[in-house]
C-alpha cells in the first residue's frame, strides 16, 4: 500500500523565507542614541559615580578624569577648524577623521590640569565631541586618553544605513 503525502514544497519554502526575513528591530538612529551608552567603566579607569545625561551630552566621572561626550550634527570641517585654529592637530580613528587640542592650565598651583577638546566624524554630518579634563602636566598623555575614549565611543555608535 502506498501512502500519498501532499507536496509541501512551495508552502514550506514560503514559511522558511518568511521566518528568515522577519523584521529585526532597527538600531536607534544617531539622533536617538543615548550618549551615556558610548563610554563605560574601564574605558579610562573606574567610574566614580553615575554618568549624567543632559540633552545630547553625557558627563562621565572617571576616577582620574572627567569626560563630557556630546553628540552633534554639523560639518566636521567646521568643528575641526575651531580646534586647529587654537593649535590642535588631526588624527584618524579607524578610517574616521578626528581633531584634538589639549591645553595645560597650571592654575597657579602645583597640581595643574590638562583639558583636551576633540571632535570625531561618525558619518557625514554626525559628530562626537569630547572634553576631557585630568590633573596632569602632560598634554600628550591626556591627548592619548582622549583619542582612546573617542575610539571607544565611535565603536559603540549604532550602525544605521
Protein backbone atom coordinates (compact mmCIF):
# COMPACT_ATOMS: atom_id res chain seq x y z
CA UNK A 1 0.00 0.00 0.00
CA UNK A 2 1.35 3.37 -0.97
CA UNK A 3 0.62 6.44 1.12
CA UNK A 4 0.49 9.68 -0.78
CA UNK A 5 1.54 12.80 1.03
CA UNK A 6 0.67 16.25 -0.21
CA UNK A 7 3.50 18.16 -1.86
CA UNK A 8 4.55 20.93 0.56
CA UNK A 9 7.49 22.39 -1.36
CA UNK A 10 6.21 25.92 -2.08
CA UNK A 11 4.36 26.25 1.22
CA UNK A 12 7.36 25.07 3.21
CA UNK A 13 9.71 27.31 1.26
CA UNK A 14 7.44 30.32 1.80
CA UNK A 15 7.34 29.62 5.56
CA UNK A 16 11.14 29.38 5.78
CA UNK A 17 11.63 32.58 3.78
CA UNK A 18 9.10 34.44 5.92
CA UNK A 19 10.90 33.36 9.10
CA UNK A 20 14.27 34.42 7.71
CA UNK A 21 13.07 37.82 6.56
CA UNK A 22 11.16 38.76 9.69
CA UNK A 23 11.86 42.37 10.51
CA UNK A 24 14.61 42.82 13.02
CA UNK A 25 14.32 45.94 15.17
CA UNK A 26 16.41 48.69 13.67
CA UNK A 27 19.20 50.15 15.77
CA UNK A 28 18.44 53.63 17.08
CA UNK A 29 19.16 56.45 14.69
CA UNK A 30 22.09 58.72 15.54
CA UNK A 31 19.63 61.35 16.76
CA UNK A 32 18.10 58.81 19.17
CA UNK A 33 21.37 57.43 20.53
CA UNK A 34 21.84 57.86 24.27
CA UNK A 35 25.27 59.48 24.74
CA UNK A 36 25.58 57.73 28.11
CA UNK A 37 25.83 54.36 26.31
CA UNK A 38 29.00 55.23 24.42
CA UNK A 39 31.57 55.05 27.24
CA UNK A 40 31.76 52.57 30.10
CA UNK A 41 33.65 51.70 33.26
CA UNK A 42 37.11 50.53 32.30
CA UNK A 43 37.44 52.87 29.31
CA UNK A 44 39.52 55.30 31.38
CA UNK A 45 39.58 53.57 34.74
CA UNK A 46 36.71 53.04 37.12
CA UNK A 47 33.68 55.28 37.21
CA UNK A 48 33.46 57.23 40.47
CA UNK A 49 29.75 57.89 40.01
CA UNK A 50 26.89 57.51 37.60
CA UNK A 51 27.18 59.20 34.20
CA UNK A 52 24.75 62.13 33.96
CA UNK A 53 22.84 62.84 30.75
CA UNK A 54 21.75 66.31 29.67
CA UNK A 55 20.11 66.61 26.24
CA UNK A 56 22.65 65.22 23.75
CA UNK A 57 25.57 65.10 26.21
CA UNK A 58 26.77 62.84 29.00
CA UNK A 59 29.21 63.65 31.81
CA UNK A 60 31.38 60.71 32.88
CA UNK A 61 33.09 60.89 36.30
CA UNK A 62 36.05 58.52 35.93
CA UNK A 63 38.39 58.19 38.92
CA UNK A 64 41.28 60.05 37.36
CA UNK A 65 39.46 62.34 34.92
CA UNK A 66 36.18 63.90 33.86
CA UNK A 67 34.85 63.44 30.36
CA UNK A 68 31.92 65.11 28.61
CA UNK A 69 30.70 63.40 25.44
CA UNK A 70 28.30 65.27 23.16
CA UNK A 71 26.56 64.01 20.03
CA UNK A 72 26.15 66.75 17.42
CA UNK A 73 25.08 67.25 13.87
CA UNK A 74 27.20 69.52 11.74
CA UNK A 75 30.11 69.68 9.37
CA UNK A 76 33.32 68.06 10.57
CA UNK A 77 35.42 70.63 8.70
CA UNK A 78 33.82 73.49 10.63
CA UNK A 79 34.14 71.80 14.04
CA UNK A 80 37.69 70.73 13.25
CA UNK A 81 38.74 74.21 12.14
CA UNK A 82 37.86 75.64 15.56
CA UNK A 83 40.32 73.24 17.21
CA UNK A 84 43.00 73.60 14.54
CA UNK A 85 42.90 77.40 14.86
CA UNK A 86 43.75 77.01 18.55
CA UNK A 87 46.79 74.81 17.92
CA UNK A 88 45.11 71.42 17.54
CA UNK A 89 46.03 68.72 15.08
CA UNK A 90 44.39 65.97 13.11
CA UNK A 91 44.29 62.25 13.71
CA UNK A 92 42.45 59.23 12.35
CA UNK A 93 40.49 56.59 14.26
CA UNK A 94 40.00 53.60 12.02
CA UNK A 95 39.01 55.41 8.85
CA UNK A 96 37.27 58.35 10.59
CA UNK A 97 38.87 61.80 10.90
CA UNK A 98 39.45 63.35 14.30
CA UNK A 99 40.89 66.65 15.51
CA UNK A 100 42.04 67.34 19.05
CA UNK A 101 43.58 70.18 21.03
CA UNK A 102 44.95 69.97 24.56
CA UNK A 103 45.79 72.86 26.86
CA UNK A 104 47.71 72.80 30.14
CA UNK A 105 46.33 75.06 32.88
CA UNK A 106 48.63 75.25 35.85
CA UNK A 107 46.05 77.36 37.67
CA UNK A 108 48.81 78.92 39.72
CA UNK A 109 49.37 75.78 41.78
CA UNK A 110 51.44 72.63 41.51
CA UNK A 111 48.60 70.29 40.54
CA UNK A 112 47.73 71.61 37.10
CA UNK A 113 45.06 70.30 34.77
CA UNK A 114 45.04 69.39 31.12
CA UNK A 115 41.87 69.97 29.12
CA UNK A 116 41.56 68.22 25.77
CA UNK A 117 38.82 69.01 23.29
CA UNK A 118 38.24 66.63 20.40
CA UNK A 119 35.79 66.06 17.59
CA UNK A 120 35.48 62.89 15.51
CA UNK A 121 33.26 62.36 12.50
CA UNK A 122 30.93 59.37 12.89
CA UNK A 123 29.39 59.76 9.44
CA UNK A 124 28.74 62.73 7.18
CA UNK A 125 27.06 65.38 9.33
CA UNK A 126 27.30 63.32 12.57
CA UNK A 127 29.92 64.18 15.18
CA UNK A 128 31.12 63.06 18.59
CA UNK A 129 32.64 65.89 20.62
CA UNK A 130 34.71 65.13 23.73
CA UNK A 131 36.07 67.31 26.50
CA UNK A 132 38.45 65.51 28.86
CA UNK A 133 39.86 67.16 31.99
CA UNK A 134 42.59 65.45 34.00
CA UNK A 135 45.11 66.54 36.61
CA UNK A 136 48.40 66.37 34.76
CA UNK A 137 51.16 68.41 33.20
CA UNK A 138 51.48 66.08 30.20
CA UNK A 139 49.14 67.26 27.46
CA UNK A 140 50.26 64.44 25.14
CA UNK A 141 49.31 61.72 27.65
CA UNK A 142 45.87 63.24 28.22
CA UNK A 143 45.51 63.63 24.46
CA UNK A 144 46.16 59.91 24.01
CA UNK A 145 43.47 59.12 26.59
CA UNK A 146 41.09 61.47 24.77
CA UNK A 147 41.78 59.76 21.45
CA UNK A 148 41.27 56.34 23.05
CA UNK A 149 37.91 57.42 24.50
CA UNK A 150 36.86 58.81 21.12
CA UNK A 151 37.68 55.45 19.53
CA UNK A 152 35.68 53.51 22.12
CA UNK A 153 32.68 55.83 21.69
CA UNK A 154 32.92 55.65 17.89
CA UNK A 155 32.90 51.86 18.06
CA UNK A 156 29.71 51.88 20.15
CA UNK A 157 27.64 54.22 17.98
CA UNK A 158 24.85 52.13 16.44
CA UNK A 159 25.35 51.42 12.76
CA UNK A 160 22.45 52.67 10.68
CA UNK A 161 22.14 52.56 6.94
